[in-house]
């Protein structure tokens, strides 16, 4: 079983490959599809658009929340193609981590000249 750090490393390598081949300026769904393809080529188990209900006491609320990509049922990937990342996107990923009981998430903005400018790593309880 791969560690979260290993999953993160492999996921980022796949994201860099997608960004290098496609460049910025496309729809999020295009990057998501290509990233899932690359992750699966690397032998990782990946789910797309994973429903994430809100549990309040004994009530399960389907609020329409969906994780873009879930890698090995442990790593959350949120895909963006926006001018710049803001606090709302960070809060979104942190909420997904909390609701799903996940520890690590990567916020990836593909609409940057270099992908490294659009990466934010989020750990439950911390904001790096």
N, C-alpha and C. Protein backbone atom coordinates (compact mmCIF):
# COMPACT_ATOMS: atom_id res chain seq x y z
N UNK A 1 0.85 -1.18 0.00
CA UNK A 1 0.00 0.00 0.00
C UNK A 1 0.89 1.25 0.00
N UNK A 2 0.59 2.16 -0.89
CA UNK A 2 1.36 3.39 -0.98
C UNK A 2 0.99 4.34 0.15
N UNK A 3 1.97 5.12 0.60
CA UNK A 3 1.71 6.14 1.60
C UNK A 3 1.01 7.33 0.94
N UNK A 4 0.46 8.21 1.74
CA UNK A 4 -0.16 9.42 1.20
C UNK A 4 0.86 10.26 0.45
N UNK A 5 2.08 10.31 0.95
CA UNK A 5 3.13 11.07 0.27
C UNK A 5 3.43 10.49 -1.10
N UNK A 6 3.46 9.17 -1.19
CA UNK A 6 3.70 8.51 -2.48
C UNK A 6 2.54 8.75 -3.44
N UNK A 7 1.32 8.70 -2.92
CA UNK A 7 0.15 8.99 -3.76
C UNK A 7 0.19 10.43 -4.25
N UNK A 8 0.55 11.33 -3.36
CA UNK A 8 0.65 12.74 -3.71
C UNK A 8 1.72 12.95 -4.79
N UNK A 9 2.86 12.32 -4.63
CA UNK A 9 3.96 12.43 -5.58
C UNK A 9 3.54 11.92 -6.96
N UNK A 10 2.92 10.75 -6.99
CA UNK A 10 2.48 10.17 -8.28
C UNK A 10 1.39 11.03 -8.92
N UNK A 11 0.49 11.54 -8.10
CA UNK A 11 -0.59 12.38 -8.62
C UNK A 11 -0.05 13.67 -9.21
N UNK A 12 0.90 14.27 -8.51
CA UNK A 12 1.50 15.51 -9.02
C UNK A 12 2.29 15.26 -10.30
N UNK A 13 3.02 14.16 -10.37
CA UNK A 13 3.74 13.84 -11.60
C UNK A 13 2.78 13.70 -12.77
N UNK A 14 1.65 13.04 -12.53
CA UNK A 14 0.64 12.88 -13.58
C UNK A 14 0.06 14.25 -13.97
N UNK A 15 -0.19 15.10 -12.99
CA UNK A 15 -0.73 16.44 -13.26
C UNK A 15 0.26 17.28 -14.07
N UNK A 16 1.55 17.19 -13.73
CA UNK A 16 2.57 17.92 -14.49
C UNK A 16 2.60 17.44 -15.94
N UNK A 17 2.46 16.13 -16.15
CA UNK A 17 2.46 15.58 -17.50
C UNK A 17 1.27 16.11 -18.30
N UNK A 18 0.09 16.11 -17.68
CA UNK A 18 -1.12 16.62 -18.35
C UNK A 18 -0.95 18.09 -18.69
N UNK A 19 -0.46 18.88 -17.74
CA UNK A 19 -0.30 20.32 -17.98
C UNK A 19 0.73 20.59 -19.07
N UNK A 20 1.80 19.82 -19.07
CA UNK A 20 2.84 20.01 -20.08
C UNK A 20 2.30 19.73 -21.48
N UNK A 21 1.45 18.71 -21.60
CA UNK A 21 0.92 18.35 -22.92
C UNK A 21 -0.21 19.26 -23.38
N UNK A 22 -1.06 19.71 -22.44
CA UNK A 22 -2.23 20.50 -22.81
C UNK A 22 -2.05 22.00 -22.65
N UNK A 23 -1.26 22.42 -21.66
CA UNK A 23 -1.11 23.84 -21.37
C UNK A 23 -2.34 24.39 -20.66
N UNK A 24 -2.32 25.69 -20.35
CA UNK A 24 -3.45 26.32 -19.66
C UNK A 24 -4.58 26.68 -20.62
N UNK A 25 -5.74 27.03 -20.04
CA UNK A 25 -6.82 27.60 -20.82
C UNK A 25 -7.96 26.68 -21.22
N UNK A 26 -7.91 25.41 -20.81
CA UNK A 26 -8.99 24.50 -21.15
C UNK A 26 -9.99 24.36 -20.01
N UNK A 27 -11.07 23.67 -20.25
CA UNK A 27 -12.09 23.44 -19.22
C UNK A 27 -11.57 22.46 -18.16
N UNK A 28 -12.06 22.63 -16.94
CA UNK A 28 -11.68 21.73 -15.84
C UNK A 28 -11.95 20.27 -16.19
N UNK A 29 -13.07 20.01 -16.85
CA UNK A 29 -13.45 18.63 -17.18
C UNK A 29 -12.42 17.96 -18.09
N UNK A 30 -11.77 18.71 -18.95
CA UNK A 30 -10.74 18.16 -19.83
C UNK A 30 -9.54 17.73 -19.01
N UNK A 31 -9.08 18.60 -18.10
CA UNK A 31 -7.94 18.26 -17.25
C UNK A 31 -8.28 17.07 -16.36
N UNK A 32 -9.49 17.06 -15.83
CA UNK A 32 -9.92 15.96 -14.96
C UNK A 32 -9.88 14.62 -15.71
N UNK A 33 -10.43 14.60 -16.90
CA UNK A 33 -10.45 13.38 -17.70
C UNK A 33 -9.03 12.89 -18.01
N UNK A 34 -8.18 13.80 -18.43
CA UNK A 34 -6.80 13.42 -18.77
C UNK A 34 -6.01 13.00 -17.54
N UNK A 35 -6.23 13.67 -16.42
CA UNK A 35 -5.52 13.31 -15.19
C UNK A 35 -5.95 11.92 -14.71
N UNK A 36 -7.23 11.63 -14.76
CA UNK A 36 -7.71 10.30 -14.39
C UNK A 36 -7.06 9.25 -15.29
N UNK A 37 -6.99 9.52 -16.57
CA UNK A 37 -6.35 8.60 -17.52
C UNK A 37 -4.89 8.34 -17.12
N UNK A 38 -4.14 9.39 -16.82
CA UNK A 38 -2.73 9.26 -16.43
C UNK A 38 -2.57 8.50 -15.11
N UNK A 39 -3.43 8.78 -14.16
CA UNK A 39 -3.36 8.09 -12.86
C UNK A 39 -3.63 6.60 -13.03
N UNK A 40 -4.62 6.29 -13.83
CA UNK A 40 -4.93 4.88 -14.08
C UNK A 40 -3.79 4.18 -14.83
N UNK A 41 -3.14 4.89 -15.76
CA UNK A 41 -1.98 4.33 -16.45
C UNK A 41 -0.87 3.98 -15.46
N UNK A 42 -0.82 4.74 -14.36
CA UNK A 42 0.18 4.51 -13.32
C UNK A 42 -0.26 3.46 -12.32
N UNK A 43 -1.36 2.77 -12.61
CA UNK A 43 -1.81 1.67 -11.77
C UNK A 43 -2.56 2.07 -10.52
N UNK A 44 -3.03 3.31 -10.47
CA UNK A 44 -3.75 3.78 -9.29
C UNK A 44 -5.25 3.59 -9.47
N UNK A 45 -5.92 3.30 -8.36
CA UNK A 45 -7.37 3.17 -8.34
C UNK A 45 -7.95 4.57 -8.16
N UNK A 46 -8.78 4.99 -9.11
CA UNK A 46 -9.27 6.36 -9.15
C UNK A 46 -10.78 6.39 -9.33
N UNK A 47 -11.43 7.30 -8.61
CA UNK A 47 -12.86 7.55 -8.80
C UNK A 47 -13.03 9.02 -9.19
N UNK A 48 -14.02 9.27 -10.06
CA UNK A 48 -14.35 10.63 -10.50
C UNK A 48 -15.69 11.05 -9.93
N UNK A 49 -15.81 12.34 -9.65
CA UNK A 49 -17.07 12.94 -9.22
C UNK A 49 -17.75 12.11 -8.13
N UNK A 50 -17.02 11.94 -7.04
CA UNK A 50 -17.48 11.13 -5.92
C UNK A 50 -18.46 11.93 -5.07
N UNK A 51 -19.71 11.47 -4.92
CA UNK A 51 -20.69 12.18 -4.09
C UNK A 51 -20.22 12.25 -2.64
N UNK A 52 -20.45 13.38 -2.02
CA UNK A 52 -20.03 13.59 -0.64
C UNK A 52 -21.20 14.20 0.14
N UNK A 53 -21.98 13.34 0.81
CA UNK A 53 -23.13 13.87 1.56
C UNK A 53 -22.68 14.56 2.85
N UNK A 54 -23.53 15.40 3.36
CA UNK A 54 -23.32 16.02 4.67
C UNK A 54 -24.13 15.21 5.68
N UNK A 55 -23.48 14.80 6.75
CA UNK A 55 -24.17 14.06 7.81
C UNK A 55 -24.38 15.01 8.98
N UNK A 56 -25.63 15.20 9.35
CA UNK A 56 -25.98 16.07 10.47
C UNK A 56 -26.85 15.25 11.42
N UNK A 57 -26.29 14.93 12.59
CA UNK A 57 -26.92 13.99 13.51
C UNK A 57 -27.23 12.70 12.75
N UNK A 58 -28.48 12.32 12.63
CA UNK A 58 -28.84 11.10 11.92
C UNK A 58 -29.37 11.38 10.51
N UNK A 59 -29.18 12.61 10.06
CA UNK A 59 -29.70 13.01 8.75
C UNK A 59 -28.57 13.02 7.73
N UNK A 60 -28.82 12.36 6.62
CA UNK A 60 -27.87 12.36 5.50
C UNK A 60 -28.40 13.33 4.45
N UNK A 61 -27.66 14.39 4.19
CA UNK A 61 -28.10 15.44 3.28
C UNK A 61 -27.27 15.39 2.00
N UNK A 62 -27.94 15.19 0.89
CA UNK A 62 -27.25 15.25 -0.39
C UNK A 62 -27.25 16.70 -0.85
N UNK A 63 -26.12 17.37 -0.63
CA UNK A 63 -26.03 18.78 -0.98
C UNK A 63 -25.42 19.02 -2.35
N UNK A 64 -25.20 17.93 -3.09
CA UNK A 64 -24.63 18.09 -4.42
C UNK A 64 -23.11 18.23 -4.42
N UNK A 65 -22.47 18.00 -3.27
CA UNK A 65 -21.02 18.10 -3.21
C UNK A 65 -20.39 16.88 -3.86
N UNK A 66 -19.33 17.11 -4.64
CA UNK A 66 -18.65 16.02 -5.33
C UNK A 66 -17.14 16.28 -5.32
N UNK A 67 -16.41 15.24 -4.97
CA UNK A 67 -14.95 15.30 -5.05
C UNK A 67 -14.59 15.05 -6.52
N UNK A 68 -13.79 15.92 -7.10
CA UNK A 68 -13.42 15.76 -8.52
C UNK A 68 -12.76 14.41 -8.75
N UNK A 69 -11.68 14.14 -8.01
CA UNK A 69 -10.95 12.88 -8.16
C UNK A 69 -10.55 12.38 -6.78
N UNK A 70 -10.80 11.10 -6.52
CA UNK A 70 -10.38 10.46 -5.28
C UNK A 70 -9.41 9.34 -5.67
N UNK A 71 -8.18 9.44 -5.19
CA UNK A 71 -7.13 8.49 -5.53
C UNK A 71 -6.97 7.48 -4.40
N UNK A 72 -7.12 6.19 -4.76
CA UNK A 72 -6.95 5.09 -3.79
C UNK A 72 -7.83 5.27 -2.55
N UNK A 73 -8.97 5.91 -2.70
CA UNK A 73 -9.92 6.16 -1.61
C UNK A 73 -9.30 6.94 -0.44
N UNK A 74 -8.19 7.68 -0.72
CA UNK A 74 -7.51 8.38 0.38
C UNK A 74 -7.06 9.80 0.05
N UNK A 75 -6.81 10.10 -1.21
CA UNK A 75 -6.27 11.41 -1.59
C UNK A 75 -7.30 12.16 -2.43
N UNK A 76 -7.65 13.36 -1.98
CA UNK A 76 -8.63 14.20 -2.67
C UNK A 76 -7.90 15.13 -3.64
N UNK A 77 -8.35 15.13 -4.90
CA UNK A 77 -7.82 16.07 -5.89
C UNK A 77 -8.96 16.96 -6.36
N UNK A 78 -8.79 18.25 -6.19
CA UNK A 78 -9.78 19.22 -6.66
C UNK A 78 -9.17 19.96 -7.84
N UNK A 79 -9.82 19.89 -8.98
CA UNK A 79 -9.31 20.46 -10.23
C UNK A 79 -9.96 21.81 -10.48
N UNK A 80 -9.13 22.79 -10.81
CA UNK A 80 -9.62 24.12 -11.19
C UNK A 80 -8.93 24.56 -12.47
N UNK A 81 -9.58 25.45 -13.19
CA UNK A 81 -9.00 26.13 -14.32
C UNK A 81 -9.49 27.58 -14.25
N UNK A 82 -8.88 28.31 -13.32
CA UNK A 82 -9.33 29.67 -12.98
C UNK A 82 -8.15 30.63 -13.04
N UNK A 83 -8.47 31.92 -13.01
CA UNK A 83 -7.41 32.94 -13.07
C UNK A 83 -6.45 32.81 -11.90
N UNK A 84 -6.99 32.60 -10.70
CA UNK A 84 -6.13 32.40 -9.53
C UNK A 84 -6.92 31.67 -8.45
N UNK A 85 -6.19 30.97 -7.60
CA UNK A 85 -6.83 30.28 -6.47
C UNK A 85 -7.18 31.31 -5.41
N UNK A 86 -8.30 31.10 -4.73
CA UNK A 86 -8.67 32.00 -3.65
C UNK A 86 -9.06 31.18 -2.41
N UNK A 87 -9.37 31.87 -1.34
CA UNK A 87 -9.68 31.21 -0.07
C UNK A 87 -10.91 30.31 -0.15
N UNK A 88 -11.84 30.63 -1.03
CA UNK A 88 -13.05 29.82 -1.19
C UNK A 88 -12.69 28.42 -1.68
N UNK A 89 -11.77 28.32 -2.63
CA UNK A 89 -11.33 27.02 -3.13
C UNK A 89 -10.61 26.21 -2.05
N UNK A 90 -9.80 26.90 -1.27
CA UNK A 90 -9.12 26.24 -0.15
C UNK A 90 -10.13 25.71 0.85
N UNK A 91 -11.12 26.53 1.19
CA UNK A 91 -12.16 26.11 2.12
C UNK A 91 -12.94 24.92 1.57
N UNK A 92 -13.18 24.91 0.28
CA UNK A 92 -13.90 23.80 -0.36
C UNK A 92 -13.15 22.48 -0.13
N UNK A 93 -11.86 22.47 -0.38
CA UNK A 93 -11.08 21.24 -0.22
C UNK A 93 -11.03 20.84 1.25
N UNK A 94 -10.83 21.79 2.14
CA UNK A 94 -10.80 21.48 3.57
C UNK A 94 -12.14 20.90 4.04
N UNK A 95 -13.23 21.41 3.49
CA UNK A 95 -14.55 20.87 3.81
C UNK A 95 -14.68 19.44 3.31
N UNK A 96 -14.21 19.17 2.11
CA UNK A 96 -14.25 17.80 1.58
C UNK A 96 -13.44 16.85 2.45
N UNK A 97 -12.28 17.31 2.90
CA UNK A 97 -11.46 16.48 3.78
C UNK A 97 -12.20 16.16 5.07
N UNK A 98 -12.81 17.19 5.64
CA UNK A 98 -13.54 17.01 6.90
C UNK A 98 -14.75 16.10 6.73
N UNK A 99 -15.58 16.36 5.73
CA UNK A 99 -16.80 15.58 5.53
C UNK A 99 -16.50 14.12 5.20
N UNK A 100 -15.43 13.89 4.44
CA UNK A 100 -15.11 12.54 4.02
C UNK A 100 -14.17 11.79 4.94
N UNK A 101 -13.62 12.49 5.94
CA UNK A 101 -12.67 11.86 6.84
C UNK A 101 -11.32 11.60 6.18
N UNK A 102 -10.95 12.44 5.21
CA UNK A 102 -9.68 12.29 4.52
C UNK A 102 -8.63 13.19 5.18
N UNK A 103 -7.38 12.85 4.98
CA UNK A 103 -6.29 13.61 5.61
C UNK A 103 -5.61 14.58 4.66
N UNK A 104 -5.49 14.22 3.38
CA UNK A 104 -4.70 15.03 2.44
C UNK A 104 -5.48 15.34 1.18
N UNK A 105 -5.34 16.59 0.72
CA UNK A 105 -5.96 17.01 -0.53
C UNK A 105 -5.02 17.90 -1.32
N UNK A 106 -5.14 17.85 -2.63
CA UNK A 106 -4.38 18.72 -3.51
C UNK A 106 -5.35 19.56 -4.33
N UNK A 107 -5.17 20.85 -4.27
CA UNK A 107 -5.93 21.79 -5.08
C UNK A 107 -5.05 22.14 -6.27
N UNK A 108 -5.51 21.82 -7.47
CA UNK A 108 -4.69 21.97 -8.67
C UNK A 108 -5.36 22.93 -9.65
N UNK A 109 -4.71 24.06 -9.89
CA UNK A 109 -5.21 25.02 -10.87
C UNK A 109 -4.39 24.89 -12.15
N UNK A 110 -5.00 24.35 -13.19
CA UNK A 110 -4.30 24.12 -14.45
C UNK A 110 -4.21 25.36 -15.32
N UNK A 111 -4.86 26.44 -14.94
CA UNK A 111 -4.84 27.66 -15.75
C UNK A 111 -3.70 28.58 -15.33
N UNK A 112 -2.48 28.04 -15.33
CA UNK A 112 -1.28 28.80 -14.98
C UNK A 112 -0.20 28.48 -16.01
N UNK A 113 0.73 29.43 -16.25
CA UNK A 113 1.81 29.15 -17.20
C UNK A 113 2.63 27.92 -16.79
N UNK A 114 2.89 27.80 -15.49
CA UNK A 114 3.58 26.63 -14.94
C UNK A 114 2.71 26.06 -13.84
N UNK A 115 2.45 24.76 -13.89
CA UNK A 115 1.52 24.15 -12.93
C UNK A 115 1.96 24.36 -11.48
N UNK A 116 3.27 24.38 -11.23
CA UNK A 116 3.74 24.54 -9.85
C UNK A 116 3.19 25.82 -9.20
N UNK A 117 2.82 26.79 -10.01
CA UNK A 117 2.22 28.03 -9.49
C UNK A 117 0.77 27.83 -9.05
N UNK A 118 0.17 26.71 -9.46
CA UNK A 118 -1.25 26.48 -9.19
C UNK A 118 -1.51 25.30 -8.28
N UNK A 119 -0.54 24.94 -7.45
CA UNK A 119 -0.71 23.78 -6.56
C UNK A 119 -0.81 24.24 -5.12
N UNK A 120 -1.80 23.72 -4.44
CA UNK A 120 -1.93 23.97 -3.01
C UNK A 120 -2.17 22.63 -2.33
N UNK A 121 -1.33 22.30 -1.39
CA UNK A 121 -1.42 21.05 -0.63
C UNK A 121 -2.11 21.34 0.69
N UNK A 122 -3.16 20.58 0.98
CA UNK A 122 -3.94 20.82 2.19
C UNK A 122 -4.01 19.57 3.04
N UNK A 123 -3.68 19.71 4.29
CA UNK A 123 -3.73 18.61 5.24
C UNK A 123 -4.82 18.93 6.26
N UNK A 124 -5.64 17.94 6.57
CA UNK A 124 -6.72 18.16 7.53
C UNK A 124 -6.14 18.74 8.82
N UNK A 125 -6.61 19.89 9.20
CA UNK A 125 -6.13 20.56 10.41
C UNK A 125 -5.02 21.56 10.16
N UNK A 126 -4.49 21.57 8.92
CA UNK A 126 -3.40 22.49 8.57
C UNK A 126 -3.69 23.12 7.21
N UNK A 127 -3.11 24.27 6.98
CA UNK A 127 -3.22 24.94 5.70
C UNK A 127 -1.82 25.36 5.30
N UNK A 128 -1.21 24.61 4.36
CA UNK A 128 0.16 24.92 3.92
C UNK A 128 0.13 25.86 2.74
